[in-house]
Amino acid sequence: MRFHTRKWIKPEDLNANGTLFGGRLLAWITEEAALYSIIQLENNKIVLKYMSEINFIHPVAQGDIVEIGIEVVRFGTSSITLKCEARNKMNHESIATVDQLIFVNLDGQGKPKYHGKTRVEFVKDRISAKDQS
């Protein structure tokens, strides 16, 4: 799993118990997964279709640094399925996991669109391929 985004837990991220508010973490996970999907599918018109259960494992305190990791589970014909883990950057303790986030690639009319992707691609490789052509 590749970890991309880091968040520093500030007072406004906390719940009444003084730990990270779960909704804030879910917003960060959803945003990171959406950005990852947009980059992989090369289309900024995507939508979250499904999110599996979220397993909250360890609490997070103010001052902790959370990092969010994404991994592709599979490519569908018009979708991409990801899994995600949020962990404490300093000790790699798992904070929460989501086994499935399914994003659908859309056309200009908001209908599912074939994307033709079958494997993870890195932007640096796309740039190198364009430079060689």
N, C-alpha and C. Protein backbone atom coordinates (compact mmCIF):
# COMPACT_ATOMS: atom_id res chain seq x y z
N MET A 1 0.86 -1.18 0.00
CA MET A 1 0.00 0.00 0.00
C MET A 1 0.90 1.23 0.00
N ARG A 2 0.53 2.21 -0.81
CA ARG A 2 1.29 3.45 -0.88
C ARG A 2 0.57 4.53 -0.07
N PHE A 3 1.32 5.17 0.79
CA PHE A 3 0.77 6.22 1.64
C PHE A 3 1.10 7.58 1.03
N HIS A 4 0.06 8.38 0.80
CA HIS A 4 0.21 9.62 0.05
C HIS A 4 0.03 10.87 0.90
N THR A 5 -1.05 10.96 1.60
CA THR A 5 -1.43 12.19 2.30
C THR A 5 -1.12 12.09 3.78
N ARG A 6 -0.68 13.21 4.32
CA ARG A 6 -0.46 13.30 5.76
C ARG A 6 -1.28 14.44 6.31
N LYS A 7 -1.86 14.21 7.47
CA LYS A 7 -2.66 15.23 8.16
C LYS A 7 -2.16 15.36 9.59
N TRP A 8 -1.99 16.59 10.03
CA TRP A 8 -1.59 16.88 11.40
C TRP A 8 -2.87 17.16 12.17
N ILE A 9 -3.09 16.44 13.25
CA ILE A 9 -4.33 16.56 14.00
C ILE A 9 -4.30 17.82 14.86
N LYS A 10 -5.26 18.71 14.57
CA LYS A 10 -5.37 20.01 15.24
C LYS A 10 -6.62 20.03 16.12
N PRO A 11 -6.77 21.01 16.99
CA PRO A 11 -7.93 21.05 17.89
C PRO A 11 -9.28 20.97 17.16
N GLU A 12 -9.37 21.60 16.00
CA GLU A 12 -10.66 21.58 15.28
C GLU A 12 -11.01 20.21 14.68
N ASP A 13 -10.08 19.25 14.73
CA ASP A 13 -10.32 17.90 14.21
C ASP A 13 -10.85 16.95 15.29
N LEU A 14 -10.94 17.43 16.52
CA LEU A 14 -11.27 16.55 17.65
C LEU A 14 -12.75 16.49 17.96
N ASN A 15 -13.17 15.38 18.54
CA ASN A 15 -14.55 15.21 19.01
C ASN A 15 -14.64 15.59 20.49
N ALA A 16 -15.78 15.36 21.09
CA ALA A 16 -15.99 15.72 22.50
C ALA A 16 -15.11 14.91 23.46
N ASN A 17 -14.57 13.78 22.98
CA ASN A 17 -13.69 12.96 23.82
C ASN A 17 -12.22 13.37 23.70
N GLY A 18 -11.95 14.36 22.85
CA GLY A 18 -10.57 14.81 22.67
C GLY A 18 -9.77 13.95 21.71
N THR A 19 -10.44 13.11 20.94
CA THR A 19 -9.77 12.30 19.93
C THR A 19 -10.29 12.69 18.55
N LEU A 20 -9.64 12.21 17.52
CA LEU A 20 -10.01 12.57 16.15
C LEU A 20 -11.46 12.19 15.87
N PHE A 21 -12.23 13.14 15.35
CA PHE A 21 -13.61 12.93 14.95
C PHE A 21 -13.62 12.00 13.73
N GLY A 22 -14.36 10.90 13.83
CA GLY A 22 -14.40 9.90 12.76
C GLY A 22 -14.85 10.46 11.43
N GLY A 23 -15.81 11.38 11.46
CA GLY A 23 -16.30 11.99 10.22
C GLY A 23 -15.22 12.78 9.49
N ARG A 24 -14.33 13.41 10.25
CA ARG A 24 -13.22 14.15 9.64
C ARG A 24 -12.29 13.17 8.92
N LEU A 25 -11.98 12.05 9.59
CA LEU A 25 -11.11 11.05 8.98
C LEU A 25 -11.76 10.49 7.71
N LEU A 26 -13.06 10.21 7.76
CA LEU A 26 -13.74 9.68 6.57
C LEU A 26 -13.73 10.68 5.42
N ALA A 27 -13.85 11.96 5.72
CA ALA A 27 -13.77 12.97 4.67
C ALA A 27 -12.38 12.96 4.03
N TRP A 28 -11.35 12.86 4.84
CA TRP A 28 -9.99 12.82 4.30
C TRP A 28 -9.77 11.57 3.45
N ILE A 29 -10.26 10.42 3.93
CA ILE A 29 -10.12 9.17 3.19
C ILE A 29 -10.85 9.26 1.85
N THR A 30 -12.08 9.76 1.88
CA THR A 30 -12.86 9.86 0.65
C THR A 30 -12.18 10.80 -0.35
N GLU A 31 -11.70 11.92 0.13
CA GLU A 31 -11.02 12.86 -0.77
C GLU A 31 -9.76 12.25 -1.37
N GLU A 32 -8.95 11.60 -0.56
CA GLU A 32 -7.72 10.98 -1.05
C GLU A 32 -8.04 9.89 -2.07
N ALA A 33 -9.04 9.06 -1.79
CA ALA A 33 -9.42 8.00 -2.72
C ALA A 33 -9.97 8.58 -4.02
N ALA A 34 -10.73 9.66 -3.94
CA ALA A 34 -11.25 10.31 -5.15
C ALA A 34 -10.11 10.86 -6.00
N LEU A 35 -9.17 11.54 -5.37
CA LEU A 35 -8.02 12.07 -6.11
C LEU A 35 -7.21 10.95 -6.76
N TYR A 36 -7.02 9.88 -6.04
CA TYR A 36 -6.29 8.73 -6.57
C TYR A 36 -7.03 8.16 -7.79
N SER A 37 -8.35 8.04 -7.69
CA SER A 37 -9.16 7.52 -8.79
C SER A 37 -9.08 8.43 -10.02
N ILE A 38 -9.18 9.72 -9.79
CA ILE A 38 -9.10 10.70 -10.89
C ILE A 38 -7.77 10.55 -11.63
N ILE A 39 -6.70 10.43 -10.89
CA ILE A 39 -5.38 10.30 -11.50
C ILE A 39 -5.25 8.98 -12.24
N GLN A 40 -5.72 7.89 -11.65
CA GLN A 40 -5.62 6.59 -12.31
C GLN A 40 -6.48 6.51 -13.56
N LEU A 41 -7.71 7.03 -13.49
CA LEU A 41 -8.64 6.92 -14.62
C LEU A 41 -8.48 8.07 -15.62
N GLU A 42 -7.65 9.06 -15.26
CA GLU A 42 -7.40 10.23 -16.12
C GLU A 42 -8.70 10.94 -16.51
N ASN A 43 -9.57 11.09 -15.51
CA ASN A 43 -10.86 11.74 -15.73
C ASN A 43 -11.31 12.36 -14.41
N ASN A 44 -11.61 13.65 -14.41
CA ASN A 44 -12.05 14.27 -13.16
C ASN A 44 -13.55 14.14 -12.93
N LYS A 45 -14.23 13.41 -13.78
CA LYS A 45 -15.66 13.14 -13.59
C LYS A 45 -15.81 11.70 -13.08
N ILE A 46 -15.75 11.58 -11.76
CA ILE A 46 -15.92 10.28 -11.11
C ILE A 46 -16.89 10.47 -9.96
N VAL A 47 -17.44 9.37 -9.48
CA VAL A 47 -18.36 9.44 -8.35
C VAL A 47 -18.14 8.22 -7.46
N LEU A 48 -18.25 8.44 -6.15
CA LEU A 48 -18.18 7.32 -5.21
C LEU A 48 -19.51 6.59 -5.24
N LYS A 49 -19.46 5.32 -5.61
CA LYS A 49 -20.67 4.50 -5.69
C LYS A 49 -20.89 3.71 -4.41
N TYR A 50 -19.82 3.25 -3.79
CA TYR A 50 -19.95 2.34 -2.66
C TYR A 50 -18.74 2.49 -1.74
N MET A 51 -19.02 2.44 -0.43
CA MET A 51 -17.97 2.37 0.58
C MET A 51 -18.36 1.27 1.56
N SER A 52 -17.46 0.31 1.77
CA SER A 52 -17.74 -0.77 2.72
C SER A 52 -17.65 -0.24 4.14
N GLU A 53 -17.84 -1.12 5.08
CA GLU A 53 -17.77 -0.71 6.48
C GLU A 53 -16.38 -0.15 6.80
N ILE A 54 -16.36 0.74 7.75
CA ILE A 54 -15.13 1.36 8.22
C ILE A 54 -14.79 0.73 9.56
N ASN A 55 -13.57 0.27 9.70
CA ASN A 55 -13.14 -0.34 10.94
C ASN A 55 -12.22 0.64 11.66
N PHE A 56 -12.73 1.28 12.71
CA PHE A 56 -11.92 2.17 13.53
C PHE A 56 -11.16 1.31 14.54
N ILE A 57 -9.84 1.41 14.54
CA ILE A 57 -9.01 0.50 15.32
C ILE A 57 -8.38 1.18 16.54
N HIS A 58 -7.73 2.32 16.33
CA HIS A 58 -7.07 3.04 17.42
C HIS A 58 -7.45 4.52 17.37
N PRO A 59 -7.58 5.13 18.53
CA PRO A 59 -7.88 6.57 18.56
C PRO A 59 -6.65 7.39 18.18
N VAL A 60 -6.92 8.63 17.82
CA VAL A 60 -5.86 9.57 17.43
C VAL A 60 -6.00 10.81 18.30
N ALA A 61 -4.88 11.33 18.76
CA ALA A 61 -4.89 12.50 19.64
C ALA A 61 -4.38 13.74 18.91
N GLN A 62 -4.68 14.90 19.49
CA GLN A 62 -4.16 16.16 18.96
C GLN A 62 -2.63 16.09 18.89
N GLY A 63 -2.10 16.55 17.78
CA GLY A 63 -0.65 16.54 17.58
C GLY A 63 -0.15 15.33 16.83
N ASP A 64 -0.94 14.26 16.77
CA ASP A 64 -0.54 13.08 16.00
C ASP A 64 -0.54 13.42 14.51
N ILE A 65 0.21 12.66 13.75
CA ILE A 65 0.23 12.80 12.30
C ILE A 65 -0.36 11.53 11.71
N VAL A 66 -1.40 11.70 10.91
CA VAL A 66 -2.08 10.59 10.26
C VAL A 66 -1.65 10.55 8.80
N GLU A 67 -1.37 9.36 8.30
CA GLU A 67 -1.12 9.23 6.87
C GLU A 67 -2.12 8.25 6.29
N ILE A 68 -2.51 8.52 5.05
CA ILE A 68 -3.56 7.75 4.39
C ILE A 68 -2.97 6.99 3.21
N GLY A 69 -3.19 5.68 3.22
CA GLY A 69 -2.68 4.82 2.16
C GLY A 69 -3.81 4.28 1.31
N ILE A 70 -3.53 4.14 0.02
CA ILE A 70 -4.51 3.66 -0.95
C ILE A 70 -3.88 2.52 -1.74
N GLU A 71 -4.69 1.52 -2.05
CA GLU A 71 -4.24 0.41 -2.90
C GLU A 71 -5.38 0.03 -3.82
N VAL A 72 -5.07 -0.25 -5.08
CA VAL A 72 -6.09 -0.70 -6.03
C VAL A 72 -6.39 -2.17 -5.77
N VAL A 73 -7.67 -2.47 -5.62
CA VAL A 73 -8.12 -3.85 -5.47
C VAL A 73 -8.40 -4.44 -6.84
N ARG A 74 -9.09 -3.65 -7.69
CA ARG A 74 -9.37 -4.12 -9.05
C ARG A 74 -9.87 -2.98 -9.92
N PHE A 75 -9.71 -3.18 -11.22
CA PHE A 75 -10.28 -2.28 -12.22
C PHE A 75 -11.48 -2.98 -12.83
N GLY A 76 -12.63 -2.30 -12.84
CA GLY A 76 -13.80 -2.78 -13.57
C GLY A 76 -13.79 -2.14 -14.94
N THR A 77 -14.86 -2.31 -15.71
CA THR A 77 -14.89 -1.70 -17.04
C THR A 77 -15.10 -0.19 -16.96
N SER A 78 -15.88 0.25 -15.97
CA SER A 78 -16.09 1.70 -15.80
C SER A 78 -15.82 2.13 -14.36
N SER A 79 -15.19 1.26 -13.59
CA SER A 79 -14.97 1.56 -12.17
C SER A 79 -13.56 1.20 -11.73
N ILE A 80 -13.24 1.66 -10.54
CA ILE A 80 -12.00 1.28 -9.88
C ILE A 80 -12.36 1.01 -8.42
N THR A 81 -11.86 -0.09 -7.88
CA THR A 81 -12.10 -0.45 -6.49
C THR A 81 -10.80 -0.29 -5.72
N LEU A 82 -10.86 0.46 -4.63
CA LEU A 82 -9.69 0.74 -3.81
C LEU A 82 -9.89 0.23 -2.40
N LYS A 83 -8.80 0.03 -1.68
CA LYS A 83 -8.87 -0.17 -0.24
C LYS A 83 -7.98 0.88 0.39
N CYS A 84 -8.24 1.17 1.65
CA CYS A 84 -7.57 2.28 2.31
C CYS A 84 -7.23 1.93 3.75
N GLU A 85 -6.11 2.51 4.18
CA GLU A 85 -5.74 2.42 5.59
C GLU A 85 -5.26 3.79 6.03
N ALA A 86 -5.69 4.21 7.20
CA ALA A 86 -5.15 5.40 7.85
C ALA A 86 -4.33 4.90 9.02
N ARG A 87 -3.12 5.43 9.14
CA ARG A 87 -2.25 4.98 10.23
C ARG A 87 -1.50 6.15 10.83
N ASN A 88 -1.00 5.93 12.03
CA ASN A 88 -0.19 6.93 12.72
C ASN A 88 1.19 6.95 12.06
N LYS A 89 1.59 8.09 11.57
CA LYS A 89 2.85 8.21 10.85
C LYS A 89 4.05 7.83 11.71
N MET A 90 4.00 8.15 12.98
CA MET A 90 5.17 7.96 13.83
C MET A 90 5.40 6.51 14.25
N ASN A 91 4.33 5.78 14.51
CA ASN A 91 4.51 4.39 14.97
C ASN A 91 3.87 3.35 14.05
N HIS A 92 3.26 3.79 12.95
CA HIS A 92 2.60 2.94 11.95
C HIS A 92 1.45 2.13 12.53
N GLU A 93 0.92 2.55 13.67
CA GLU A 93 -0.25 1.90 14.25
C GLU A 93 -1.47 2.21 13.39
N SER A 94 -2.21 1.18 13.01
CA SER A 94 -3.40 1.36 12.17
C SER A 94 -4.49 2.09 12.95
N ILE A 95 -5.06 3.11 12.32
CA ILE A 95 -6.13 3.90 12.93
C ILE A 95 -7.50 3.45 12.43
N ALA A 96 -7.59 3.23 11.11
CA ALA A 96 -8.85 2.79 10.51
C ALA A 96 -8.56 2.15 9.17
N THR A 97 -9.45 1.25 8.76
CA THR A 97 -9.35 0.62 7.43
C THR A 97 -10.71 0.66 6.75
N VAL A 98 -10.66 0.72 5.43
CA VAL A 98 -11.86 0.60 4.59
C VAL A 98 -11.48 -0.40 3.51
N ASP A 99 -12.19 -1.53 3.45
CA ASP A 99 -11.83 -2.59 2.50
C ASP A 99 -12.20 -2.28 1.06
N GLN A 100 -13.28 -1.51 0.86
CA GLN A 100 -13.70 -1.21 -0.51
C GLN A 100 -14.26 0.19 -0.64
N LEU A 101 -13.72 0.92 -1.59
CA LEU A 101 -14.30 2.17 -2.06
C LEU A 101 -14.38 2.02 -3.57
N ILE A 102 -15.58 2.07 -4.12
CA ILE A 102 -15.76 1.90 -5.56
C ILE A 102 -16.13 3.24 -6.17
N PHE A 103 -15.28 3.68 -7.11
CA PHE A 103 -15.52 4.91 -7.85
C PHE A 103 -15.87 4.54 -9.29
N VAL A 104 -16.84 5.26 -9.85
CA VAL A 104 -17.28 5.02 -11.23
C VAL A 104 -16.82 6.19 -12.09
N ASN A 105 -16.25 5.85 -13.22
CA ASN A 105 -15.81 6.80 -14.23
C ASN A 105 -17.04 7.27 -15.02
N LEU A 106 -17.21 8.58 -15.19
CA LEU A 106 -18.41 9.12 -15.84
C LEU A 106 -18.07 9.87 -17.13
N ASP A 107 -19.04 9.88 -18.03
CA ASP A 107 -18.92 10.71 -19.23
C ASP A 107 -19.50 12.09 -18.95
N GLY A 108 -19.59 12.92 -19.98
CA GLY A 108 -20.08 14.28 -19.82
C GLY A 108 -21.53 14.38 -19.41
N GLN A 109 -22.30 13.30 -19.60
CA GLN A 109 -23.71 13.28 -19.22
C GLN A 109 -23.95 12.59 -17.87
N GLY A 110 -22.85 12.24 -17.20
CA GLY A 110 -22.99 11.60 -15.89
C GLY A 110 -23.30 10.11 -15.94
N LYS A 111 -23.08 9.49 -17.08
CA LYS A 111 -23.31 8.04 -17.25
C LYS A 111 -21.98 7.30 -17.13
N PRO A 112 -22.00 6.05 -16.63
CA PRO A 112 -20.77 5.27 -16.55
C PRO A 112 -20.08 5.20 -17.91
N LYS A 113 -18.76 5.34 -17.88
CA LYS A 113 -17.97 5.39 -19.10
C LYS A 113 -16.81 4.39 -19.01
N TYR A 114 -16.62 3.60 -20.05
CA TYR A 114 -15.49 2.66 -20.14
C TYR A 114 -14.19 3.45 -20.02
N HIS A 115 -13.25 2.93 -19.21
CA HIS A 115 -11.98 3.65 -19.04
C HIS A 115 -10.79 2.93 -19.66
N GLY A 116 -10.87 1.65 -19.89
CA GLY A 116 -9.78 0.91 -20.55
C GLY A 116 -8.56 0.65 -19.69
N LYS A 117 -8.61 0.94 -18.42
CA LYS A 117 -7.47 0.74 -17.53
C LYS A 117 -7.49 -0.68 -16.95
N THR A 118 -6.30 -1.27 -16.86
CA THR A 118 -6.20 -2.62 -16.31
C THR A 118 -5.12 -2.76 -15.24
N ARG A 119 -4.32 -1.71 -15.08
CA ARG A 119 -3.24 -1.76 -14.08
C ARG A 119 -2.94 -0.35 -13.57
N VAL A 120 -2.30 -0.29 -12.43
CA VAL A 120 -1.91 0.99 -11.85
C VAL A 120 -0.87 1.64 -12.75
N GLU A 121 -1.07 2.92 -13.00
CA GLU A 121 -0.11 3.70 -13.79
C GLU A 121 0.38 4.87 -12.94
N PHE A 122 1.65 5.18 -13.09
CA PHE A 122 2.22 6.31 -12.38
C PHE A 122 2.39 7.47 -13.35
N VAL A 123 2.09 8.67 -12.88
CA VAL A 123 2.15 9.86 -13.74
C VAL A 123 3.54 10.01 -14.35
N LYS A 124 4.59 9.74 -13.59
CA LYS A 124 5.95 9.87 -14.11
C LYS A 124 6.17 8.96 -15.32
N ASP A 125 5.54 7.78 -15.33
CA ASP A 125 5.67 6.88 -16.48
C ASP A 125 4.89 7.41 -17.68
N ARG A 126 3.74 8.02 -17.44
CA ARG A 126 2.97 8.62 -18.54
C ARG A 126 3.75 9.77 -19.18
N ILE A 127 4.40 10.58 -18.33
CA ILE A 127 5.19 11.71 -18.83
C ILE A 127 6.36 11.19 -19.65
N SER A 128 7.05 10.15 -19.14
CA SER A 128 8.20 9.56 -19.86
C SER A 128 7.76 9.01 -21.21
N ALA A 129 6.60 8.34 -21.25
CA ALA A 129 6.09 7.77 -22.49
C ALA A 129 5.78 8.87 -23.51
N LYS A 130 5.24 9.99 -23.04
CA LYS A 130 4.95 11.10 -23.95
C LYS A 130 6.23 11.73 -24.47
N ASP A 131 7.26 11.81 -23.62
CA ASP A 131 8.53 12.39 -24.03
C ASP A 131 9.22 11.52 -25.08
N GLN A 132 9.01 10.20 -25.02
CA GLN A 132 9.65 9.28 -25.95
C GLN A 132 8.94 9.21 -27.29
N SER A 133 7.70 9.70 -27.35
CA SER A 133 6.96 9.63 -28.62
C SER A 133 7.10 10.88 -29.44
